[in-house]
């Protein structure tokens, strides 16, 4: 093998190594990004569940207030009581 072919083979080997290491770097970066996205997704799902629970509690509280409001109206509209004595 002549010197030129050795240089060409060495150059191709270096190019292949650099190219493969670049792919590994991108793979690591994608893995990091995917991990962050998974964490964010879990946090968003948790927040959505908390919001749904808070919404249900607010609806129950509104129903209780509606029931109390009816009772208060009945008491306010009823005739006053005459004191004894």
C-alpha atoms as a PDB file:
ATOM      1  CA  UNK A   1       0.000   0.000   0.000  1.00  0.00           C
ATOM      2  CA  UNK A   2       1.438   3.346  -0.924  1.00  0.00           C
ATOM      3  CA  UNK A   3       1.603   6.335   1.377  1.00  0.00           C
ATOM      4  CA  UNK A   4      -1.367   7.942  -0.343  1.00  0.00           C
ATOM      5  CA  UNK A   5      -3.587   4.934   0.218  1.00  0.00           C
ATOM      6  CA  UNK A   6      -2.515   4.763   3.874  1.00  0.00           C
ATOM      7  CA  UNK A   7      -3.356   8.439   4.298  1.00  0.00           C
ATOM      8  CA  UNK A   8      -6.686   7.927   2.572  1.00  0.00           C
ATOM      9  CA  UNK A   9      -7.511   4.916   4.770  1.00  0.00           C
ATOM     10  CA  UNK A  10      -6.477   6.830   7.904  1.00  0.00           C
ATOM     11  CA  UNK A  11      -8.531   9.825   6.832  1.00  0.00           C
ATOM     12  CA  UNK A  12     -11.584   7.655   6.229  1.00  0.00           C
ATOM     13  CA  UNK A  13     -11.135   5.978   9.607  1.00  0.00           C
ATOM     14  CA  UNK A  14     -10.898   9.360  11.350  1.00  0.00           C
ATOM     15  CA  UNK A  15     -13.944  10.618   9.449  1.00  0.00           C
ATOM     16  CA  UNK A  16     -15.911   7.517  10.461  1.00  0.00           C
ATOM     17  CA  UNK A  17     -14.938   7.879  14.125  1.00  0.00           C
ATOM     18  CA  UNK A  18     -15.791  11.586  14.209  1.00  0.00           C
ATOM     19  CA  UNK A  19     -19.071  10.921  12.416  1.00  0.00           C
ATOM     20  CA  UNK A  20     -20.047   8.159  14.805  1.00  0.00           C
ATOM     21  CA  UNK A  21     -19.103  10.188  17.839  1.00  0.00           C
ATOM     22  CA  UNK A  22     -21.303  12.972  16.513  1.00  0.00           C
ATOM     23  CA  UNK A  23     -24.215  10.571  16.317  1.00  0.00           C
ATOM     24  CA  UNK A  24     -23.591   9.469  19.881  1.00  0.00           C
ATOM     25  CA  UNK A  25     -23.650  13.103  20.980  1.00  0.00           C
ATOM     26  CA  UNK A  26     -26.964  13.683  19.246  1.00  0.00           C
ATOM     27  CA  UNK A  27     -28.307  10.478  20.751  1.00  0.00           C
ATOM     28  CA  UNK A  28     -27.333  11.706  24.218  1.00  0.00           C
ATOM     29  CA  UNK A  29     -28.886  15.097  23.564  1.00  0.00           C
ATOM     30  CA  UNK A  30     -32.121  13.540  22.315  1.00  0.00           C
ATOM     31  CA  UNK A  31     -32.205  11.267  25.361  1.00  0.00           C
ATOM     32  CA  UNK A  32     -31.800  14.294  27.637  1.00  0.00           C
ATOM     33  CA  UNK A  33     -34.513  16.219  25.799  1.00  0.00           C
ATOM     34  CA  UNK A  34     -36.858  13.224  25.872  1.00  0.00           C
ATOM     35  CA  UNK A  35     -36.250  12.817  29.594  1.00  0.00           C
ATOM     36  CA  UNK A  36     -37.103  16.469  30.208  1.00  0.00           C
ATOM     37  CA  UNK A  37     -40.220  16.175  28.073  1.00  0.00           C
ATOM     38  CA  UNK A  38     -41.312  13.111  30.046  1.00  0.00           C
ATOM     39  CA  UNK A  39     -40.824  15.019  33.306  1.00  0.00           C
ATOM     40  CA  UNK A  40     -42.809  17.969  32.002  1.00  0.00           C
ATOM     41  CA  UNK A  41     -45.549  15.672  30.762  1.00  0.00           C
ATOM     42  CA  UNK A  42     -45.826  14.057  34.191  1.00  0.00           C
ATOM     43  CA  UNK A  43     -46.025  17.473  35.860  1.00  0.00           C
ATOM     44  CA  UNK A  44     -48.686  18.672  33.415  1.00  0.00           C
ATOM     45  CA  UNK A  45     -50.758  15.533  33.989  1.00  0.00           C
ATOM     46  CA  UNK A  46     -50.459  16.006  37.759  1.00  0.00           C
ATOM     47  CA  UNK A  47     -51.528  19.638  37.462  1.00  0.00           C
ATOM     48  CA  UNK A  48     -54.482  18.665  35.282  1.00  0.00           C
ATOM     49  CA  UNK A  49     -55.611  16.079  37.833  1.00  0.00           C
ATOM     50  CA  UNK A  50     -55.307  18.637  40.628  1.00  0.00           C
ATOM     51  CA  UNK A  51     -57.320  21.150  38.611  1.00  0.00           C
ATOM     52  CA  UNK A  52     -60.043  18.576  37.967  1.00  0.00           C
ATOM     53  CA  UNK A  53     -60.226  17.722  41.671  1.00  0.00           C
ATOM     54  CA  UNK A  54     -60.415  21.421  42.586  1.00  0.00           C
ATOM     55  CA  UNK A  55     -63.179  21.905  40.025  1.00  0.00           C
ATOM     56  CA  UNK A  56     -65.206  19.036  41.504  1.00  0.00           C
ATOM     57  CA  UNK A  57     -64.782  20.471  45.010  1.00  0.00           C
ATOM     58  CA  UNK A  58     -65.875  23.913  43.804  1.00  0.00           C
ATOM     59  CA  UNK A  59     -68.982  22.417  42.204  1.00  0.00           C
ATOM     60  CA  UNK A  60     -69.863  20.617  45.457  1.00  0.00           C
ATOM     61  CA  UNK A  61     -69.344  23.839  47.413  1.00  0.00           C
ATOM     62  CA  UNK A  62     -71.624  25.702  45.011  1.00  0.00           C
ATOM     63  CA  UNK A  63     -74.312  23.054  45.456  1.00  0.00           C
ATOM     64  CA  UNK A  64     -74.103  23.395  49.240  1.00  0.00           C
ATOM     65  CA  UNK A  65     -74.333  27.183  48.938  1.00  0.00           C
ATOM     66  CA  UNK A  66     -77.416  26.844  46.732  1.00  0.00           C
ATOM     67  CA  UNK A  67     -79.054  24.628  49.370  1.00  0.00           C
ATOM     68  CA  UNK A  68     -78.218  27.071  52.159  1.00  0.00           C
ATOM     69  CA  UNK A  69     -79.458  30.013  50.097  1.00  0.00           C
ATOM     70  CA  UNK A  70     -82.865  28.366  49.776  1.00  0.00           C
ATOM     71  CA  UNK A  71     -83.079  27.837  53.521  1.00  0.00           C
ATOM     72  CA  UNK A  72     -82.053  31.442  54.222  1.00  0.00           C
ATOM     73  CA  UNK A  73     -84.737  32.745  51.827  1.00  0.00           C
ATOM     74  CA  UNK A  74     -87.359  30.622  53.574  1.00  0.00           C
ATOM     75  CA  UNK A  75     -86.306  31.950  56.966  1.00  0.00           C
ATOM     76  CA  UNK A  76     -86.278  35.552  55.756  1.00  0.00           C
ATOM     77  CA  UNK A  77     -89.705  35.293  54.152  1.00  0.00           C
ATOM     78  CA  UNK A  78     -91.381  33.526  57.053  1.00  0.00           C
ATOM     79  CA  UNK A  79     -93.493  35.669  59.394  1.00  0.00           C
ATOM     80  CA  UNK A  80     -91.723  36.970  62.445  1.00  0.00           C
ATOM     81  CA  UNK A  81     -92.258  35.237  65.737  1.00  0.00           C
ATOM     82  CA  UNK A  82     -94.069  36.951  68.513  1.00  0.00           C
ATOM     83  CA  UNK A  83     -92.061  37.014  71.701  1.00  0.00           C
ATOM     84  CA  UNK A  84     -93.518  35.239  74.684  1.00  0.00           C
ATOM     85  CA  UNK A  85     -94.203  37.002  77.852  1.00  0.00           C
END
